[in-house]
Every structure is written in structure tokens, then in C-alpha cells.
Amino acid sequence: SLGMSYRDGDRVSASGKIEYRVDSGDLNGSNRDQELLFVSAGARYKISDEARVLFGLEYANTDTDGSNVLDGEYGDVTLGYAYRPILNDKLNVLASYRYLYDMIGQEIDGTDVRGPRQERHVASLDVTYDLNQQWTVGGKLGLRKSRSSPSETVPFAQNDAWLGVLNARYHVTRKWDALVEARFLDAEQGGFSDM
């Protein structure tokens, strides 16, 4: 294994680790040979006092018999952006993107049941704007493009959806807000929309 980290004051920070492992042997007459590669990395870049970019990566490639460590390939990449002004914080923006590639099928809720194999792109944009000291309006737009399969014998199926949210918040006092919100969800292959 090899790990590294880098820091340039509070402007840039990054770290990463790679691990390669090979095991060979028998346990009670059954083959326990396995080969594993793990990679993890993360970085943060401070564009200014008001804006930042974040990055994360996890990757695993395992060639095993599936008894101790699940066999397959897994990747998870995240990218985020935040804009939060200091002097005039009327406008706040959060944006994120995530790519998930899971050909292992992670276990669900600690059970022995493997989840679906999936490939997924998820993007979202969240914006709020203060009209004045009492009123704040905002919105969120999210998009998921994905395909999944419950097992190796079942073909992949598309499972795309998008979500739109609009809201208005009234600041009654320091500790109380009133919120009105409208949401719209459209599941394309699911054939339904919800408002």
C-alpha cells in the first residue's frame, strides 16, 4: 500500500491511497486465492473565500471466489461546488455530480442479500436567494441517469428520473420560519410522475 497527502495552506489539500493485495491458499480444501486493488483519493480546492470545489474517488477491483470478499469492480466519483458569499450572502449555490459503477452489488442493510449491479450518474443544482430579510426563494434540480440489474443473468434496465423543487421561506423570527414548497418527480421508465 502507498498513501500520500498534500496541503498548500488552506487553498489546496489532497490525499490518496492505493493498496494491492494477493492472497493464495486453501481453507478446508477450498481455494481461497484472491487478488484485490483498492484506490481512494480526495481533494479540495479553495477558489476564493466564497467558493470551493471538492473531489472524491473510490475504486475497487476484486478477483476472488466471492466467499470472503465480493468479486467484481466498483467505482464511485464525486465532484462538488459551493458558492457562499461572505459579505453579501444573498445568493448561495451548491452543485454536485456523482458517478457510481457497482458491478459487485453491495450488501443491503447488513444482510447477506446482495443489492443490484448498477451504473448511475446523478447531478444536482441547489440555489437560494434572499429577496430581503424576511423572504428567501430557492430551487433544486436533480437528474439521475442509471441502469441496473438484480443479477448477472438479468439484462440491465434503464431507470432514469429527474426532480424539480421550488420553495419560498418567510423568516418569522430568529428561530421560526414558514416554508411553502412544490416538488415534481418524473420517473421516466417507471412511467409515473408525482407532484
N, C-alpha and C. Protein backbone atom coordinates (compact mmCIF):
# COMPACT_ATOMS: atom_id res chain seq x y z
N SER A 1 0.85 -1.19 0.00
CA SER A 1 0.00 0.00 0.00
C SER A 1 0.88 1.23 0.00
N LEU A 2 0.34 2.30 -0.54
CA LEU A 2 1.05 3.57 -0.60
C LEU A 2 0.03 4.68 -0.41
N GLY A 3 0.34 5.60 0.50
CA GLY A 3 -0.55 6.73 0.73
C GLY A 3 0.22 8.03 0.65
N MET A 4 -0.43 9.07 0.18
CA MET A 4 0.21 10.37 0.05
C MET A 4 -0.81 11.46 0.39
N SER A 5 -0.29 12.59 0.87
CA SER A 5 -1.16 13.74 1.10
C SER A 5 -0.39 15.01 0.75
N TYR A 6 -1.15 16.05 0.40
CA TYR A 6 -0.55 17.32 0.00
C TYR A 6 -1.42 18.45 0.54
N ARG A 7 -0.77 19.49 1.04
CA ARG A 7 -1.51 20.65 1.53
C ARG A 7 -0.73 21.91 1.17
N ASP A 8 -1.44 22.89 0.64
CA ASP A 8 -0.87 24.20 0.33
C ASP A 8 -1.67 25.24 1.10
N GLY A 9 -1.29 25.42 2.37
CA GLY A 9 -2.03 26.33 3.23
C GLY A 9 -3.47 25.87 3.35
N ASP A 10 -4.42 26.79 3.28
CA ASP A 10 -5.83 26.41 3.31
C ASP A 10 -6.45 26.45 1.92
N ARG A 11 -5.62 26.61 0.87
CA ARG A 11 -6.13 26.72 -0.50
C ARG A 11 -6.33 25.37 -1.17
N VAL A 12 -5.35 24.48 -1.06
CA VAL A 12 -5.42 23.18 -1.72
C VAL A 12 -5.06 22.09 -0.71
N SER A 13 -5.84 21.03 -0.71
CA SER A 13 -5.49 19.84 0.06
C SER A 13 -5.91 18.62 -0.75
N ALA A 14 -5.07 17.59 -0.70
CA ALA A 14 -5.36 16.37 -1.45
C ALA A 14 -4.72 15.20 -0.74
N SER A 15 -5.33 14.05 -0.87
CA SER A 15 -4.77 12.82 -0.30
C SER A 15 -5.21 11.64 -1.15
N GLY A 16 -4.43 10.59 -1.10
CA GLY A 16 -4.78 9.40 -1.86
C GLY A 16 -4.08 8.18 -1.28
N LYS A 17 -4.66 7.03 -1.55
CA LYS A 17 -4.09 5.78 -1.08
C LYS A 17 -4.38 4.70 -2.11
N ILE A 18 -3.40 3.84 -2.34
CA ILE A 18 -3.59 2.70 -3.23
C ILE A 18 -3.08 1.46 -2.50
N GLU A 19 -3.84 0.40 -2.62
CA GLU A 19 -3.48 -0.86 -1.97
C GLU A 19 -3.68 -2.00 -2.94
N TYR A 20 -2.67 -2.85 -3.05
CA TYR A 20 -2.75 -4.04 -3.91
C TYR A 20 -2.46 -5.25 -3.04
N ARG A 21 -3.29 -6.26 -3.14
CA ARG A 21 -3.15 -7.42 -2.26
C ARG A 21 -3.37 -8.70 -3.06
N VAL A 22 -2.50 -9.68 -2.81
CA VAL A 22 -2.63 -11.00 -3.42
C VAL A 22 -2.56 -12.04 -2.31
N ASP A 23 -3.57 -12.88 -2.23
CA ASP A 23 -3.61 -13.98 -1.26
C ASP A 23 -3.73 -15.29 -2.02
N SER A 24 -3.05 -16.30 -1.53
CA SER A 24 -3.22 -17.64 -2.11
C SER A 24 -3.21 -18.65 -0.99
N GLY A 25 -4.00 -19.70 -1.16
CA GLY A 25 -4.05 -20.74 -0.14
C GLY A 25 -5.35 -21.51 -0.19
N ASP A 26 -5.45 -22.48 0.69
CA ASP A 26 -6.64 -23.31 0.80
C ASP A 26 -7.18 -23.23 2.22
N LEU A 27 -8.49 -23.34 2.35
CA LEU A 27 -9.13 -23.40 3.65
C LEU A 27 -10.13 -24.53 3.62
N ASN A 28 -9.86 -25.57 4.38
CA ASN A 28 -10.72 -26.76 4.42
C ASN A 28 -10.92 -27.35 3.03
N GLY A 29 -9.86 -27.35 2.23
CA GLY A 29 -9.92 -27.96 0.91
C GLY A 29 -10.47 -27.09 -0.19
N SER A 30 -10.88 -25.84 0.13
CA SER A 30 -11.40 -24.95 -0.93
C SER A 30 -10.39 -23.83 -1.20
N ASN A 31 -10.32 -23.45 -2.44
CA ASN A 31 -9.36 -22.45 -2.91
C ASN A 31 -9.74 -21.07 -2.37
N ARG A 32 -8.77 -20.37 -1.79
CA ARG A 32 -9.00 -19.03 -1.27
C ARG A 32 -8.10 -18.00 -1.96
N ASP A 33 -7.71 -18.27 -3.20
CA ASP A 33 -6.88 -17.31 -3.93
C ASP A 33 -7.70 -16.06 -4.23
N GLN A 34 -7.09 -14.90 -4.03
CA GLN A 34 -7.76 -13.65 -4.37
C GLN A 34 -6.75 -12.55 -4.67
N GLU A 35 -7.18 -11.64 -5.55
CA GLU A 35 -6.36 -10.51 -5.94
C GLU A 35 -7.23 -9.26 -5.83
N LEU A 36 -6.74 -8.25 -5.09
CA LEU A 36 -7.55 -7.07 -4.82
C LEU A 36 -6.75 -5.80 -5.07
N LEU A 37 -7.42 -4.81 -5.66
CA LEU A 37 -6.84 -3.48 -5.86
C LEU A 37 -7.84 -2.46 -5.32
N PHE A 38 -7.37 -1.60 -4.40
CA PHE A 38 -8.20 -0.55 -3.82
C PHE A 38 -7.53 0.79 -4.04
N VAL A 39 -8.32 1.79 -4.43
CA VAL A 39 -7.81 3.15 -4.61
C VAL A 39 -8.80 4.11 -3.97
N SER A 40 -8.30 5.05 -3.19
CA SER A 40 -9.17 6.12 -2.68
C SER A 40 -8.41 7.43 -2.75
N ALA A 41 -9.13 8.50 -3.08
CA ALA A 41 -8.49 9.81 -3.21
C ALA A 41 -9.51 10.90 -2.93
N GLY A 42 -9.02 12.03 -2.49
CA GLY A 42 -9.89 13.16 -2.25
C GLY A 42 -9.10 14.45 -2.39
N ALA A 43 -9.78 15.51 -2.79
CA ALA A 43 -9.10 16.80 -2.95
C ALA A 43 -10.10 17.92 -2.70
N ARG A 44 -9.57 19.04 -2.22
CA ARG A 44 -10.37 20.24 -2.00
C ARG A 44 -9.58 21.43 -2.52
N TYR A 45 -10.24 22.27 -3.30
CA TYR A 45 -9.59 23.47 -3.84
C TYR A 45 -10.43 24.69 -3.47
N LYS A 46 -9.80 25.62 -2.80
CA LYS A 46 -10.47 26.84 -2.39
C LYS A 46 -10.24 27.89 -3.48
N ILE A 47 -11.25 28.11 -4.29
CA ILE A 47 -11.14 29.09 -5.38
C ILE A 47 -11.00 30.49 -4.80
N SER A 48 -11.82 30.77 -3.81
CA SER A 48 -11.78 32.05 -3.09
C SER A 48 -12.38 31.80 -1.71
N ASP A 49 -12.48 32.85 -0.90
CA ASP A 49 -13.13 32.70 0.40
C ASP A 49 -14.61 32.35 0.25
N GLU A 50 -15.15 32.54 -0.94
CA GLU A 50 -16.58 32.33 -1.16
C GLU A 50 -16.90 31.07 -1.96
N ALA A 51 -15.91 30.46 -2.59
CA ALA A 51 -16.19 29.32 -3.48
C ALA A 51 -15.16 28.21 -3.29
N ARG A 52 -15.66 26.97 -3.35
CA ARG A 52 -14.81 25.80 -3.19
C ARG A 52 -15.24 24.69 -4.14
N VAL A 53 -14.27 23.84 -4.49
CA VAL A 53 -14.53 22.64 -5.28
C VAL A 53 -14.02 21.44 -4.50
N LEU A 54 -14.82 20.37 -4.46
CA LEU A 54 -14.46 19.15 -3.75
C LEU A 54 -14.46 17.98 -4.73
N PHE A 55 -13.57 17.01 -4.50
CA PHE A 55 -13.47 15.84 -5.36
C PHE A 55 -13.22 14.61 -4.49
N GLY A 56 -13.86 13.50 -4.84
CA GLY A 56 -13.64 12.25 -4.13
C GLY A 56 -13.67 11.07 -5.09
N LEU A 57 -12.85 10.06 -4.80
CA LEU A 57 -12.77 8.88 -5.66
C LEU A 57 -12.57 7.64 -4.80
N GLU A 58 -13.34 6.59 -5.10
CA GLU A 58 -13.13 5.28 -4.51
C GLU A 58 -13.22 4.26 -5.64
N TYR A 59 -12.27 3.32 -5.66
CA TYR A 59 -12.26 2.30 -6.71
C TYR A 59 -11.79 0.99 -6.11
N ALA A 60 -12.45 -0.09 -6.50
CA ALA A 60 -12.04 -1.43 -6.06
C ALA A 60 -12.21 -2.39 -7.21
N ASN A 61 -11.22 -3.24 -7.38
CA ASN A 61 -11.28 -4.31 -8.38
C ASN A 61 -10.86 -5.59 -7.67
N THR A 62 -11.79 -6.53 -7.54
CA THR A 62 -11.51 -7.74 -6.79
C THR A 62 -11.73 -8.96 -7.67
N ASP A 63 -10.77 -9.89 -7.61
CA ASP A 63 -10.86 -11.16 -8.32
C ASP A 63 -10.77 -12.24 -7.26
N THR A 64 -11.94 -12.72 -6.81
CA THR A 64 -12.00 -13.66 -5.70
C THR A 64 -13.00 -14.76 -6.00
N ASP A 65 -13.13 -15.68 -5.05
CA ASP A 65 -14.16 -16.71 -5.18
C ASP A 65 -15.50 -16.23 -4.62
N GLY A 66 -15.52 -15.01 -4.08
CA GLY A 66 -16.75 -14.42 -3.62
C GLY A 66 -17.17 -14.82 -2.22
N SER A 67 -16.38 -15.62 -1.52
CA SER A 67 -16.81 -16.08 -0.20
C SER A 67 -16.49 -15.08 0.90
N ASN A 68 -15.26 -14.55 0.90
CA ASN A 68 -14.87 -13.59 1.93
C ASN A 68 -15.03 -12.15 1.45
N VAL A 69 -14.59 -11.87 0.25
CA VAL A 69 -14.70 -10.55 -0.35
C VAL A 69 -15.49 -10.70 -1.65
N LEU A 70 -16.49 -9.84 -1.85
CA LEU A 70 -17.31 -9.92 -3.05
C LEU A 70 -16.47 -9.68 -4.29
N ASP A 71 -16.75 -10.40 -5.35
CA ASP A 71 -15.99 -10.35 -6.58
C ASP A 71 -16.59 -9.33 -7.55
N GLY A 72 -15.74 -8.52 -8.19
CA GLY A 72 -16.25 -7.59 -9.18
C GLY A 72 -15.50 -6.27 -9.17
N GLU A 73 -16.12 -5.25 -9.77
CA GLU A 73 -15.49 -3.94 -9.90
C GLU A 73 -16.44 -2.87 -9.36
N TYR A 74 -15.88 -1.91 -8.65
CA TYR A 74 -16.67 -0.86 -8.01
C TYR A 74 -15.94 0.47 -8.17
N GLY A 75 -16.68 1.52 -8.54
CA GLY A 75 -16.10 2.85 -8.63
C GLY A 75 -17.12 3.90 -8.21
N ASP A 76 -16.66 4.92 -7.50
CA ASP A 76 -17.54 5.99 -7.03
C ASP A 76 -16.77 7.30 -7.12
N VAL A 77 -17.24 8.22 -7.96
CA VAL A 77 -16.58 9.51 -8.15
C VAL A 77 -17.57 10.61 -7.79
N THR A 78 -17.14 11.56 -6.98
CA THR A 78 -18.00 12.69 -6.62
C THR A 78 -17.27 14.00 -6.89
N LEU A 79 -18.03 14.98 -7.32
CA LEU A 79 -17.50 16.32 -7.59
C LEU A 79 -18.52 17.32 -7.07
N GLY A 80 -18.06 18.27 -6.27
CA GLY A 80 -18.99 19.25 -5.71
C GLY A 80 -18.45 20.66 -5.82
N TYR A 81 -19.38 21.62 -5.88
CA TYR A 81 -19.03 23.03 -5.95
C TYR A 81 -19.94 23.79 -4.99
N ALA A 82 -19.36 24.71 -4.22
CA ALA A 82 -20.14 25.52 -3.29
C ALA A 82 -19.76 26.99 -3.45
N TYR A 83 -20.79 27.83 -3.54
CA TYR A 83 -20.59 29.28 -3.61
C TYR A 83 -21.41 29.90 -2.49
N ARG A 84 -20.71 30.44 -1.49
CA ARG A 84 -21.37 31.06 -0.33
C ARG A 84 -20.67 32.37 -0.01
N PRO A 85 -21.19 33.47 -0.51
CA PRO A 85 -20.55 34.77 -0.30
C PRO A 85 -20.46 35.14 1.18
N ILE A 86 -19.43 35.90 1.52
CA ILE A 86 -19.20 36.31 2.90
C ILE A 86 -19.86 37.65 3.19
N LEU A 87 -19.57 38.65 2.38
CA LEU A 87 -20.05 40.00 2.65
C LEU A 87 -21.51 40.19 2.24
N ASN A 88 -21.91 39.59 1.13
CA ASN A 88 -23.28 39.71 0.66
C ASN A 88 -23.79 38.31 0.32
N ASP A 89 -24.41 37.66 1.30
CA ASP A 89 -24.77 36.25 1.12
C ASP A 89 -26.20 36.07 0.61
N LYS A 90 -26.65 36.97 -0.24
CA LYS A 90 -28.00 36.84 -0.81
C LYS A 90 -28.12 35.56 -1.65
N LEU A 91 -27.09 35.25 -2.43
CA LEU A 91 -27.12 34.11 -3.33
C LEU A 91 -26.20 33.01 -2.81
N ASN A 92 -26.74 31.79 -2.70
CA ASN A 92 -25.96 30.61 -2.33
C ASN A 92 -26.20 29.53 -3.37
N VAL A 93 -25.12 28.88 -3.81
CA VAL A 93 -25.22 27.85 -4.84
C VAL A 93 -24.46 26.61 -4.40
N LEU A 94 -25.10 25.46 -4.53
CA LEU A 94 -24.45 24.17 -4.31
C LEU A 94 -24.70 23.31 -5.54
N ALA A 95 -23.66 22.73 -6.09
CA ALA A 95 -23.79 21.85 -7.25
C ALA A 95 -23.00 20.58 -6.98
N SER A 96 -23.52 19.45 -7.44
CA SER A 96 -22.80 18.19 -7.22
C SER A 96 -23.04 17.24 -8.38
N TYR A 97 -22.07 16.36 -8.56
CA TYR A 97 -22.16 15.30 -9.56
C TYR A 97 -21.57 14.03 -8.95
N ARG A 98 -22.24 12.90 -9.18
CA ARG A 98 -21.74 11.62 -8.68
C ARG A 98 -21.89 10.57 -9.76
N TYR A 99 -20.81 9.79 -9.94
CA TYR A 99 -20.85 8.66 -10.86
C TYR A 99 -20.58 7.40 -10.05
N LEU A 100 -21.49 6.44 -10.12
CA LEU A 100 -21.35 5.19 -9.39
C LEU A 100 -21.34 4.04 -10.39
N TYR A 101 -20.33 3.18 -10.26
CA TYR A 101 -20.23 1.99 -11.10
C TYR A 101 -20.04 0.83 -10.15
N ASP A 102 -21.09 0.03 -9.97
CA ASP A 102 -21.06 -1.06 -8.99
C ASP A 102 -21.44 -2.36 -9.66
N MET A 103 -20.44 -3.14 -10.05
CA MET A 103 -20.69 -4.44 -10.64
C MET A 103 -20.54 -5.55 -9.60
N ILE A 104 -20.42 -5.16 -8.33
CA ILE A 104 -20.35 -6.13 -7.24
C ILE A 104 -21.74 -6.38 -6.68
N GLY A 105 -22.49 -5.31 -6.45
CA GLY A 105 -23.80 -5.42 -5.81
C GLY A 105 -23.61 -5.45 -4.31
N GLN A 106 -23.53 -4.27 -3.72
CA GLN A 106 -23.23 -4.18 -2.29
C GLN A 106 -24.34 -4.82 -1.46
N GLU A 107 -23.94 -5.37 -0.30
CA GLU A 107 -24.92 -5.97 0.60
C GLU A 107 -25.86 -4.89 1.13
N ILE A 108 -27.12 -5.24 1.31
CA ILE A 108 -28.15 -4.28 1.71
C ILE A 108 -28.41 -4.38 3.21
N ASP A 109 -28.22 -3.27 3.92
CA ASP A 109 -28.55 -3.17 5.34
C ASP A 109 -27.94 -4.28 6.19
N GLY A 110 -26.70 -4.67 5.89
CA GLY A 110 -26.01 -5.66 6.72
C GLY A 110 -26.51 -7.08 6.57
N THR A 111 -27.38 -7.35 5.59
CA THR A 111 -27.86 -8.71 5.37
C THR A 111 -26.95 -9.40 4.36
N ASP A 112 -27.23 -10.67 4.11
CA ASP A 112 -26.45 -11.42 3.11
C ASP A 112 -26.99 -11.21 1.70
N VAL A 113 -28.06 -10.42 1.56
CA VAL A 113 -28.66 -10.19 0.25
C VAL A 113 -27.85 -9.13 -0.51
N ARG A 114 -27.39 -9.48 -1.68
CA ARG A 114 -26.64 -8.53 -2.49
C ARG A 114 -27.59 -7.60 -3.22
N GLY A 115 -27.20 -6.34 -3.29
CA GLY A 115 -28.01 -5.36 -3.99
C GLY A 115 -27.82 -5.48 -5.50
N PRO A 116 -28.49 -4.63 -6.26
CA PRO A 116 -28.38 -4.71 -7.72
C PRO A 116 -27.03 -4.20 -8.21
N ARG A 117 -26.61 -4.73 -9.35
CA ARG A 117 -25.49 -4.14 -10.06
C ARG A 117 -26.02 -2.88 -10.74
N GLN A 118 -25.23 -1.81 -10.74
CA GLN A 118 -25.76 -0.57 -11.27
C GLN A 118 -24.66 0.36 -11.78
N GLU A 119 -25.07 1.20 -12.70
CA GLU A 119 -24.24 2.30 -13.18
C GLU A 119 -25.12 3.54 -13.16
N ARG A 120 -24.64 4.59 -12.48
CA ARG A 120 -25.53 5.72 -12.22
C ARG A 120 -24.78 7.05 -12.32
N HIS A 121 -25.41 8.02 -12.97
CA HIS A 121 -24.97 9.42 -12.99
C HIS A 121 -26.03 10.24 -12.26
N VAL A 122 -25.62 11.00 -11.26
CA VAL A 122 -26.56 11.84 -10.51
C VAL A 122 -25.99 13.26 -10.45
N ALA A 123 -26.76 14.24 -10.91
CA ALA A 123 -26.33 15.64 -10.88
C ALA A 123 -27.41 16.46 -10.20
N SER A 124 -26.99 17.46 -9.43
CA SER A 124 -27.97 18.32 -8.77
C SER A 124 -27.44 19.74 -8.67
N LEU A 125 -28.38 20.68 -8.67
CA LEU A 125 -28.08 22.10 -8.52
C LEU A 125 -29.08 22.68 -7.53
N ASP A 126 -28.57 23.31 -6.48
CA ASP A 126 -29.40 23.86 -5.42
C ASP A 126 -29.06 25.34 -5.27
N VAL A 127 -30.06 26.21 -5.41
CA VAL A 127 -29.84 27.66 -5.38
C VAL A 127 -30.83 28.30 -4.42
N THR A 128 -30.34 29.21 -3.56
CA THR A 128 -31.23 30.03 -2.72
C THR A 128 -30.86 31.50 -2.90
N TYR A 129 -31.88 32.36 -2.79
CA TYR A 129 -31.65 33.79 -2.96
C TYR A 129 -32.51 34.55 -1.95
N ASP A 130 -31.88 35.43 -1.19
CA ASP A 130 -32.60 36.26 -0.22
C ASP A 130 -33.15 37.50 -0.91
N LEU A 131 -34.47 37.59 -1.00
CA LEU A 131 -35.10 38.78 -1.58
C LEU A 131 -34.97 39.98 -0.65
N ASN A 132 -35.12 39.72 0.65
CA ASN A 132 -34.93 40.72 1.69
C ASN A 132 -34.69 39.97 3.00
N GLN A 133 -34.79 40.64 4.14
CA GLN A 133 -34.51 39.98 5.41
C GLN A 133 -35.57 38.95 5.78
N GLN A 134 -36.76 39.07 5.22
CA GLN A 134 -37.83 38.13 5.58
C GLN A 134 -38.00 36.99 4.56
N TRP A 135 -37.81 37.27 3.29
CA TRP A 135 -38.13 36.29 2.25
C TRP A 135 -36.89 35.71 1.58
N THR A 136 -36.89 34.39 1.45
CA THR A 136 -35.86 33.66 0.72
C THR A 136 -36.55 32.72 -0.26
N VAL A 137 -36.13 32.74 -1.50
CA VAL A 137 -36.66 31.82 -2.50
C VAL A 137 -35.54 30.87 -2.93
N GLY A 138 -35.94 29.68 -3.37
CA GLY A 138 -34.93 28.71 -3.76
C GLY A 138 -35.48 27.66 -4.69
N GLY A 139 -34.57 26.89 -5.20
CA GLY A 139 -34.97 25.82 -6.09
C GLY A 139 -33.88 24.77 -6.17
N LYS A 140 -34.29 23.59 -6.57
CA LYS A 140 -33.35 22.49 -6.75
C LYS A 140 -33.74 21.72 -7.98
N LEU A 141 -32.74 21.31 -8.74
CA LEU A 141 -32.96 20.48 -9.92
C LEU A 141 -32.02 19.29 -9.82
N GLY A 142 -32.57 18.08 -9.89
CA GLY A 142 -31.77 16.87 -9.80
C GLY A 142 -32.08 15.95 -10.96
N LEU A 143 -31.05 15.26 -11.44
CA LEU A 143 -31.20 14.35 -12.58
C LEU A 143 -30.46 13.07 -12.29
N ARG A 144 -31.11 11.93 -12.54
CA ARG A 144 -30.45 10.64 -12.39
C ARG A 144 -30.58 9.87 -13.69
N LYS A 145 -29.45 9.47 -14.26
CA LYS A 145 -29.43 8.59 -15.43
C LYS A 145 -28.78 7.30 -14.95
N SER A 146 -29.52 6.21 -14.96
CA SER A 146 -28.96 4.99 -14.40
C SER A 146 -29.49 3.75 -15.12
N ARG A 147 -28.75 2.68 -14.92
CA ARG A 147 -29.18 1.37 -15.38
C ARG A 147 -28.80 0.37 -14.30
N SER A 148 -29.64 -0.63 -14.11
CA SER A 148 -29.39 -1.58 -13.03
C SER A 148 -29.86 -2.97 -13.44
N SER A 149 -29.33 -3.96 -12.71
CA SER A 149 -29.68 -5.35 -12.93
C SER A 149 -29.59 -6.09 -11.60
N PRO A 150 -30.60 -6.90 -11.26
CA PRO A 150 -30.56 -7.60 -9.97
C PRO A 150 -29.52 -8.71 -9.90
N SER A 151 -29.05 -9.23 -11.04
CA SER A 151 -28.06 -10.31 -11.03
C SER A 151 -27.36 -10.38 -12.37
N GLU A 152 -26.33 -11.22 -12.44
CA GLU A 152 -25.55 -11.37 -13.67
C GLU A 152 -26.37 -11.96 -14.81
N THR A 153 -27.45 -12.66 -14.50
CA THR A 153 -28.24 -13.33 -15.53
C THR A 153 -29.36 -12.47 -16.09
N VAL A 154 -29.59 -11.30 -15.48
CA VAL A 154 -30.68 -10.42 -15.92
C VAL A 154 -30.08 -9.21 -16.64
N PRO A 155 -30.58 -8.88 -17.84
CA PRO A 155 -30.04 -7.72 -18.57
C PRO A 155 -30.28 -6.41 -17.81
N PHE A 156 -29.43 -5.42 -18.08
CA PHE A 156 -29.58 -4.11 -17.46
C PHE A 156 -30.83 -3.40 -17.99
N ALA A 157 -31.47 -2.64 -17.10
CA ALA A 157 -32.64 -1.86 -17.48
C ALA A 157 -32.42 -0.42 -17.07
N GLN A 158 -32.87 0.52 -17.92
CA GLN A 158 -32.74 1.94 -17.60
C GLN A 158 -33.68 2.31 -16.45
N ASN A 159 -33.23 3.28 -15.64
CA ASN A 159 -34.03 3.73 -14.51
C ASN A 159 -33.73 5.22 -14.29
N ASP A 160 -34.21 6.06 -15.19
CA ASP A 160 -33.90 7.48 -15.17
C ASP A 160 -35.00 8.27 -14.46
N ALA A 161 -34.61 9.38 -13.85
CA ALA A 161 -35.60 10.23 -13.18
C ALA A 161 -35.04 11.63 -13.03
N TRP A 162 -35.94 12.58 -12.84
CA TRP A 162 -35.50 13.93 -12.51
C TRP A 162 -36.46 14.54 -11.49
N LEU A 163 -35.92 15.46 -10.70
CA LEU A 163 -36.67 16.08 -9.62
C LEU A 163 -36.50 17.59 -9.70
N GLY A 164 -37.60 18.31 -9.57
CA GLY A 164 -37.58 19.76 -9.52
C GLY A 164 -38.27 20.25 -8.25
N VAL A 165 -37.66 21.21 -7.57
CA VAL A 165 -38.21 21.73 -6.31
C VAL A 165 -38.15 23.25 -6.36
N LEU A 166 -39.25 23.91 -5.99
CA LEU A 166 -39.30 25.36 -5.81
C LEU A 166 -39.82 25.64 -4.41
N ASN A 167 -39.22 26.62 -3.72
CA ASN A 167 -39.71 26.93 -2.39
C ASN A 167 -39.56 28.41 -2.08
N ALA A 168 -40.34 28.83 -1.09
CA ALA A 168 -40.27 30.19 -0.57
C ALA A 168 -40.33 30.09 0.94
N ARG A 169 -39.44 30.79 1.60
CA ARG A 169 -39.33 30.75 3.06
C ARG A 169 -39.52 32.15 3.62
N TYR A 170 -40.37 32.25 4.65
CA TYR A 170 -40.59 33.53 5.33
C TYR A 170 -40.03 33.43 6.74
N HIS A 171 -39.09 34.32 7.07
CA HIS A 171 -38.45 34.31 8.38
C HIS A 171 -39.32 35.09 9.36
N VAL A 172 -40.06 34.36 10.19
CA VAL A 172 -40.97 34.97 11.14
C VAL A 172 -40.19 35.64 12.26
N THR A 173 -39.35 34.87 12.92
CA THR A 173 -38.46 35.38 13.97
C THR A 173 -37.11 34.73 13.78
N ARG A 174 -36.20 34.94 14.72
CA ARG A 174 -34.87 34.33 14.63
C ARG A 174 -34.92 32.82 14.61
N LYS A 175 -35.89 32.23 15.30
CA LYS A 175 -35.96 30.79 15.44
C LYS A 175 -37.10 30.13 14.68
N TRP A 176 -37.94 30.90 14.01
CA TRP A 176 -39.09 30.33 13.32
C TRP A 176 -39.14 30.79 11.87
N ASP A 177 -39.39 29.81 10.98
CA ASP A 177 -39.58 30.07 9.56
C ASP A 177 -40.87 29.41 9.09
N ALA A 178 -41.49 29.99 8.10
CA ALA A 178 -42.63 29.37 7.42
C ALA A 178 -42.17 29.03 6.01
N LEU A 179 -42.47 27.81 5.55
CA LEU A 179 -41.97 27.33 4.27
C LEU A 179 -43.12 26.83 3.40
N VAL A 180 -43.11 27.26 2.14
CA VAL A 180 -44.02 26.72 1.13
C VAL A 180 -43.15 26.11 0.05
N GLU A 181 -43.47 24.85 -0.32
CA GLU A 181 -42.60 24.16 -1.28
C GLU A 181 -43.43 23.34 -2.25
N ALA A 182 -42.99 23.31 -3.50
CA ALA A 182 -43.61 22.49 -4.54
C ALA A 182 -42.54 21.57 -5.11
N ARG A 183 -42.89 20.29 -5.28
CA ARG A 183 -41.95 19.30 -5.81
C ARG A 183 -42.58 18.57 -6.99
N PHE A 184 -41.73 18.23 -7.95
CA PHE A 184 -42.18 17.43 -9.09
C PHE A 184 -41.14 16.36 -9.37
N LEU A 185 -41.57 15.11 -9.37
CA LEU A 185 -40.70 13.97 -9.65
C LEU A 185 -41.21 13.24 -10.87
N ASP A 186 -40.32 12.95 -11.81
CA ASP A 186 -40.69 12.22 -13.01
C ASP A 186 -39.76 11.03 -13.16
N ALA A 187 -40.31 9.82 -13.04
CA ALA A 187 -39.57 8.59 -13.24
C ALA A 187 -39.88 8.09 -14.65
N GLU A 188 -38.93 8.25 -15.56
CA GLU A 188 -39.22 8.00 -16.98
C GLU A 188 -39.59 6.56 -17.26
N GLN A 189 -38.72 5.61 -16.92
CA GLN A 189 -39.02 4.21 -17.22
C GLN A 189 -40.07 3.65 -16.26
N GLY A 190 -40.18 4.25 -15.06
CA GLY A 190 -41.20 3.82 -14.12
C GLY A 190 -42.60 4.18 -14.57
N GLY A 191 -42.69 5.17 -15.48
CA GLY A 191 -43.97 5.54 -16.04
C GLY A 191 -44.86 6.32 -15.11
N PHE A 192 -44.27 7.07 -14.16
CA PHE A 192 -45.13 7.86 -13.28
C PHE A 192 -44.46 9.19 -12.96
N SER A 193 -45.32 10.14 -12.62
CA SER A 193 -44.89 11.46 -12.17
C SER A 193 -45.60 11.75 -10.86
N ASP A 194 -44.94 12.48 -9.99
CA ASP A 194 -45.53 12.78 -8.69
C ASP A 194 -45.30 14.26 -8.40
N MET A 195 -46.37 14.93 -7.92
CA MET A 195 -46.26 16.35 -7.62
C MET A 195 -46.78 16.62 -6.23
